N, C-alpha and C. Protein backbone atom coordinates (compact mmCIF):
# COMPACT_ATOMS: atom_id res chain seq x y z
N MET A 1 -27.23 -11.20 -10.10
CA MET A 1 -26.13 -10.94 -11.01
C MET A 1 -24.84 -11.47 -10.37
N GLU A 2 -24.09 -12.22 -11.14
CA GLU A 2 -22.83 -12.78 -10.67
C GLU A 2 -21.78 -11.69 -10.58
N LYS A 3 -21.04 -11.68 -9.48
CA LYS A 3 -19.98 -10.69 -9.30
C LYS A 3 -18.78 -11.08 -10.15
N LEU A 4 -18.34 -10.14 -10.99
CA LEU A 4 -17.17 -10.39 -11.83
C LEU A 4 -15.92 -9.95 -11.08
N THR A 5 -14.87 -10.74 -11.21
CA THR A 5 -13.60 -10.38 -10.59
C THR A 5 -12.73 -9.67 -11.62
N PHE A 6 -11.75 -8.93 -11.12
CA PHE A 6 -10.82 -8.28 -12.03
C PHE A 6 -10.14 -9.31 -12.92
N GLY A 7 -9.74 -10.42 -12.32
CA GLY A 7 -9.07 -11.47 -13.10
C GLY A 7 -9.92 -11.98 -14.24
N ALA A 8 -11.21 -12.19 -13.99
CA ALA A 8 -12.11 -12.70 -15.04
C ALA A 8 -12.27 -11.68 -16.15
N ILE A 9 -12.44 -10.42 -15.78
CA ILE A 9 -12.60 -9.36 -16.78
C ILE A 9 -11.31 -9.21 -17.58
N ASN A 10 -10.17 -9.17 -16.88
CA ASN A 10 -8.88 -9.01 -17.54
C ASN A 10 -8.61 -10.17 -18.52
N THR A 11 -8.90 -11.38 -18.08
CA THR A 11 -8.71 -12.55 -18.94
C THR A 11 -9.60 -12.47 -20.17
N ALA A 12 -10.85 -12.08 -19.99
CA ALA A 12 -11.78 -11.96 -21.13
C ALA A 12 -11.28 -10.92 -22.13
N ILE A 13 -10.74 -9.82 -21.63
CA ILE A 13 -10.22 -8.79 -22.54
C ILE A 13 -9.01 -9.32 -23.30
N ILE A 14 -8.06 -9.91 -22.58
CA ILE A 14 -6.83 -10.41 -23.20
C ILE A 14 -7.12 -11.51 -24.21
N CYS A 15 -8.08 -12.36 -23.91
CA CYS A 15 -8.42 -13.48 -24.80
C CYS A 15 -9.27 -13.06 -25.99
N GLY A 16 -9.70 -11.80 -26.01
CA GLY A 16 -10.48 -11.31 -27.14
C GLY A 16 -11.97 -11.55 -27.03
N GLU A 17 -12.43 -12.00 -25.87
CA GLU A 17 -13.85 -12.28 -25.70
C GLU A 17 -14.70 -11.01 -25.69
N LEU A 18 -14.07 -9.88 -25.42
CA LEU A 18 -14.80 -8.62 -25.35
C LEU A 18 -14.38 -7.63 -26.43
N ASP A 19 -13.83 -8.14 -27.53
CA ASP A 19 -13.35 -7.25 -28.59
C ASP A 19 -14.41 -6.28 -29.10
N ASN A 20 -15.64 -6.73 -29.21
CA ASN A 20 -16.71 -5.85 -29.71
C ASN A 20 -17.10 -4.77 -28.71
N GLU A 21 -16.70 -4.94 -27.47
CA GLU A 21 -17.06 -3.99 -26.42
C GLU A 21 -15.89 -3.12 -25.94
N LEU A 22 -14.72 -3.22 -26.58
CA LEU A 22 -13.54 -2.51 -26.10
C LEU A 22 -13.75 -1.00 -26.05
N ASP A 23 -14.38 -0.42 -27.07
CA ASP A 23 -14.62 1.03 -27.06
C ASP A 23 -15.55 1.41 -25.92
N LEU A 24 -16.57 0.61 -25.68
CA LEU A 24 -17.51 0.86 -24.59
C LEU A 24 -16.81 0.75 -23.23
N ILE A 25 -15.95 -0.24 -23.08
CA ILE A 25 -15.18 -0.41 -21.84
C ILE A 25 -14.28 0.80 -21.63
N ALA A 26 -13.58 1.22 -22.68
CA ALA A 26 -12.68 2.37 -22.58
C ALA A 26 -13.45 3.63 -22.19
N ARG A 27 -14.63 3.85 -22.78
CA ARG A 27 -15.44 5.02 -22.43
C ARG A 27 -15.91 4.94 -20.98
N GLY A 28 -16.27 3.74 -20.54
CA GLY A 28 -16.69 3.56 -19.15
C GLY A 28 -15.56 3.86 -18.18
N ILE A 29 -14.36 3.42 -18.50
CA ILE A 29 -13.20 3.70 -17.65
C ILE A 29 -12.92 5.19 -17.62
N GLN A 30 -12.96 5.84 -18.77
CA GLN A 30 -12.71 7.28 -18.83
C GLN A 30 -13.76 8.06 -18.04
N THR A 31 -15.02 7.66 -18.16
CA THR A 31 -16.09 8.33 -17.41
C THR A 31 -15.89 8.16 -15.91
N ARG A 32 -15.51 6.96 -15.48
CA ARG A 32 -15.28 6.72 -14.06
C ARG A 32 -14.11 7.56 -13.55
N ARG A 33 -13.03 7.63 -14.34
CA ARG A 33 -11.88 8.45 -13.93
C ARG A 33 -12.29 9.92 -13.80
N GLU A 34 -13.10 10.41 -14.72
CA GLU A 34 -13.57 11.79 -14.64
C GLU A 34 -14.40 12.02 -13.39
N MET A 35 -15.24 11.03 -13.05
CA MET A 35 -16.06 11.14 -11.84
C MET A 35 -15.18 11.18 -10.58
N LEU A 36 -14.17 10.31 -10.54
CA LEU A 36 -13.27 10.28 -9.38
C LEU A 36 -12.50 11.59 -9.26
N ASN A 37 -12.04 12.14 -10.40
CA ASN A 37 -11.33 13.42 -10.38
C ASN A 37 -12.24 14.54 -9.90
N ALA A 38 -13.50 14.53 -10.32
CA ALA A 38 -14.45 15.55 -9.88
C ALA A 38 -14.69 15.43 -8.37
N GLN A 39 -14.83 14.20 -7.87
CA GLN A 39 -15.01 14.00 -6.43
C GLN A 39 -13.81 14.52 -5.66
N LEU A 40 -12.61 14.22 -6.14
CA LEU A 40 -11.40 14.69 -5.48
C LEU A 40 -11.35 16.20 -5.50
N LYS A 41 -11.60 16.79 -6.66
CA LYS A 41 -11.54 18.25 -6.78
C LYS A 41 -12.53 18.91 -5.81
N ASN A 42 -13.71 18.36 -5.69
CA ASN A 42 -14.72 18.91 -4.78
C ASN A 42 -14.34 18.76 -3.32
N SER A 43 -13.44 17.83 -3.02
CA SER A 43 -13.04 17.62 -1.63
C SER A 43 -11.79 18.43 -1.26
N LEU A 44 -11.17 19.07 -2.24
CA LEU A 44 -9.94 19.83 -1.99
C LEU A 44 -10.25 21.25 -1.53
N ASN A 45 -9.38 21.75 -0.68
CA ASN A 45 -9.49 23.12 -0.19
C ASN A 45 -8.12 23.77 -0.24
N VAL A 46 -8.11 25.09 -0.36
CA VAL A 46 -6.86 25.82 -0.28
C VAL A 46 -6.21 25.49 1.06
N GLY A 47 -4.91 25.19 1.03
CA GLY A 47 -4.19 24.83 2.24
C GLY A 47 -4.00 23.33 2.42
N ASP A 48 -4.77 22.52 1.68
CA ASP A 48 -4.62 21.07 1.78
C ASP A 48 -3.27 20.63 1.23
N LYS A 49 -2.71 19.59 1.84
CA LYS A 49 -1.48 18.97 1.35
C LYS A 49 -1.87 17.88 0.36
N VAL A 50 -1.14 17.84 -0.76
CA VAL A 50 -1.36 16.82 -1.78
C VAL A 50 -0.02 16.19 -2.15
N ARG A 51 -0.11 15.00 -2.73
CA ARG A 51 1.08 14.28 -3.16
C ARG A 51 0.89 13.94 -4.64
N PHE A 52 1.97 14.03 -5.41
CA PHE A 52 1.92 13.68 -6.82
C PHE A 52 1.91 12.17 -6.98
N LYS A 53 1.00 11.67 -7.81
CA LYS A 53 0.81 10.23 -8.02
C LYS A 53 1.96 9.62 -8.83
N ASP A 54 1.93 8.30 -8.91
CA ASP A 54 2.98 7.56 -9.62
C ASP A 54 2.92 7.68 -11.14
N ASN A 55 1.86 8.30 -11.68
CA ASN A 55 1.79 8.48 -13.13
C ASN A 55 2.25 9.88 -13.54
N THR A 56 2.79 10.65 -12.59
CA THR A 56 3.25 12.00 -12.85
C THR A 56 4.55 11.99 -13.63
N LYS A 57 4.63 12.91 -14.58
CA LYS A 57 5.88 13.14 -15.31
C LYS A 57 6.18 14.62 -15.21
N PRO A 58 7.41 15.00 -14.99
CA PRO A 58 8.61 14.17 -14.90
C PRO A 58 8.58 13.27 -13.66
N THR A 59 9.27 12.14 -13.79
CA THR A 59 9.20 11.12 -12.75
C THR A 59 9.73 11.60 -11.40
N TYR A 60 10.64 12.58 -11.39
CA TYR A 60 11.16 13.04 -10.10
C TYR A 60 10.10 13.76 -9.28
N MET A 61 8.95 14.06 -9.86
CA MET A 61 7.85 14.69 -9.13
C MET A 61 7.02 13.68 -8.34
N ARG A 62 7.14 12.42 -8.69
CA ARG A 62 6.33 11.37 -8.05
C ARG A 62 6.59 11.32 -6.55
N GLY A 63 5.52 11.38 -5.78
CA GLY A 63 5.63 11.32 -4.33
C GLY A 63 5.92 12.66 -3.66
N MET A 64 6.21 13.68 -4.45
CA MET A 64 6.50 14.99 -3.88
C MET A 64 5.22 15.59 -3.28
N VAL A 65 5.37 16.33 -2.19
CA VAL A 65 4.24 16.93 -1.49
C VAL A 65 4.18 18.41 -1.80
N ALA A 66 2.96 18.90 -1.94
CA ALA A 66 2.73 20.32 -2.23
C ALA A 66 1.50 20.77 -1.46
N THR A 67 1.32 22.08 -1.38
CA THR A 67 0.17 22.68 -0.72
C THR A 67 -0.67 23.41 -1.76
N ILE A 68 -1.98 23.21 -1.71
CA ILE A 68 -2.87 23.88 -2.66
C ILE A 68 -2.95 25.36 -2.30
N ILE A 69 -2.70 26.21 -3.32
CA ILE A 69 -2.82 27.65 -3.08
C ILE A 69 -3.98 28.27 -3.86
N SER A 70 -4.51 27.52 -4.83
CA SER A 70 -5.65 28.01 -5.61
C SER A 70 -6.30 26.83 -6.32
N ILE A 71 -7.61 26.91 -6.48
CA ILE A 71 -8.35 25.86 -7.20
C ILE A 71 -9.03 26.52 -8.39
N LYS A 72 -8.70 26.02 -9.57
CA LYS A 72 -9.27 26.56 -10.80
C LYS A 72 -10.33 25.60 -11.33
N ARG A 73 -10.85 25.91 -12.47
CA ARG A 73 -11.93 25.11 -13.06
C ARG A 73 -11.53 23.65 -13.29
N GLU A 74 -10.43 23.43 -13.98
CA GLU A 74 -10.00 22.07 -14.33
C GLU A 74 -8.73 21.64 -13.61
N ARG A 75 -8.04 22.58 -12.98
CA ARG A 75 -6.74 22.30 -12.39
C ARG A 75 -6.61 22.94 -11.02
N VAL A 76 -5.53 22.62 -10.34
CA VAL A 76 -5.23 23.27 -9.07
C VAL A 76 -3.82 23.86 -9.15
N VAL A 77 -3.63 24.92 -8.40
CA VAL A 77 -2.32 25.55 -8.32
C VAL A 77 -1.73 25.15 -6.98
N VAL A 78 -0.51 24.61 -7.01
CA VAL A 78 0.14 24.14 -5.80
C VAL A 78 1.51 24.79 -5.64
N LYS A 79 1.96 24.83 -4.41
CA LYS A 79 3.31 25.28 -4.10
C LYS A 79 4.05 24.09 -3.51
N MET A 80 5.18 23.77 -4.10
CA MET A 80 5.96 22.62 -3.66
C MET A 80 6.51 22.85 -2.26
N GLU A 81 6.48 21.81 -1.42
CA GLU A 81 7.08 21.90 -0.10
C GLU A 81 8.59 22.07 -0.21
N LYS A 82 9.18 21.26 -1.08
CA LYS A 82 10.62 21.35 -1.35
C LYS A 82 10.77 21.59 -2.85
N PRO A 83 11.32 22.73 -3.24
CA PRO A 83 11.51 22.98 -4.67
C PRO A 83 12.31 21.85 -5.31
N VAL A 84 11.88 21.45 -6.49
CA VAL A 84 12.54 20.35 -7.18
C VAL A 84 12.58 20.66 -8.68
N GLY A 85 13.72 20.40 -9.29
CA GLY A 85 13.86 20.64 -10.72
C GLY A 85 13.48 22.05 -11.10
N ARG A 86 12.69 22.17 -12.12
CA ARG A 86 12.27 23.50 -12.57
C ARG A 86 11.06 24.03 -11.80
N PHE A 87 10.58 23.26 -10.83
CA PHE A 87 9.39 23.63 -10.06
C PHE A 87 9.78 24.19 -8.70
N SER A 88 10.22 25.43 -8.68
CA SER A 88 10.66 26.03 -7.42
C SER A 88 9.57 26.88 -6.78
N GLY A 89 8.61 27.33 -7.57
CA GLY A 89 7.53 28.15 -7.04
C GLY A 89 6.22 27.41 -7.13
N SER A 90 5.22 28.10 -7.59
CA SER A 90 3.91 27.45 -7.74
C SER A 90 3.82 26.85 -9.14
N LEU A 91 2.96 25.84 -9.25
CA LEU A 91 2.70 25.24 -10.55
C LEU A 91 1.25 24.81 -10.63
N THR A 92 0.74 24.81 -11.84
CA THR A 92 -0.65 24.41 -12.10
C THR A 92 -0.63 22.98 -12.59
N THR A 93 -1.47 22.14 -11.99
CA THR A 93 -1.47 20.72 -12.33
C THR A 93 -2.89 20.19 -12.45
N PRO A 94 -3.11 19.19 -13.31
CA PRO A 94 -4.42 18.55 -13.36
C PRO A 94 -4.69 17.78 -12.07
N VAL A 95 -5.94 17.70 -11.69
CA VAL A 95 -6.33 16.96 -10.49
C VAL A 95 -5.96 15.49 -10.61
N SER A 96 -5.94 14.98 -11.83
CA SER A 96 -5.66 13.56 -12.05
C SER A 96 -4.24 13.16 -11.62
N LEU A 97 -3.35 14.11 -11.42
CA LEU A 97 -1.97 13.79 -11.04
C LEU A 97 -1.71 13.88 -9.55
N ILE A 98 -2.73 14.24 -8.77
CA ILE A 98 -2.50 14.42 -7.32
C ILE A 98 -3.49 13.57 -6.51
N GLU A 99 -3.12 13.39 -5.25
CA GLU A 99 -4.00 12.75 -4.27
C GLU A 99 -3.77 13.45 -2.94
N LYS A 100 -4.74 13.37 -2.05
CA LYS A 100 -4.55 13.99 -0.74
C LYS A 100 -3.40 13.31 -0.01
N ALA A 101 -2.59 14.13 0.63
CA ALA A 101 -1.42 13.59 1.36
C ALA A 101 -1.83 13.15 2.74
């Protein structure tokens, strides 16, 4: 099987060569993201330091560091290292918005 590069796949999508497969591609991307989030969640422990990713909103949260104080089913509860904006105490966030610091 020939290895596909990101550039080749991206070009095929932009040029419309994969129009019939766009829904399948989107589902595959969503499934992969869910798998990565599950892997991250399983690797987290109370007390771990995490950083908010670049897709976090509000934007002033991006790059901020927090400590995990609780892990829930779909989300984690963190305490900000430095209170910022309306987030001075703990807050509950989806795993998709954080990464290990």
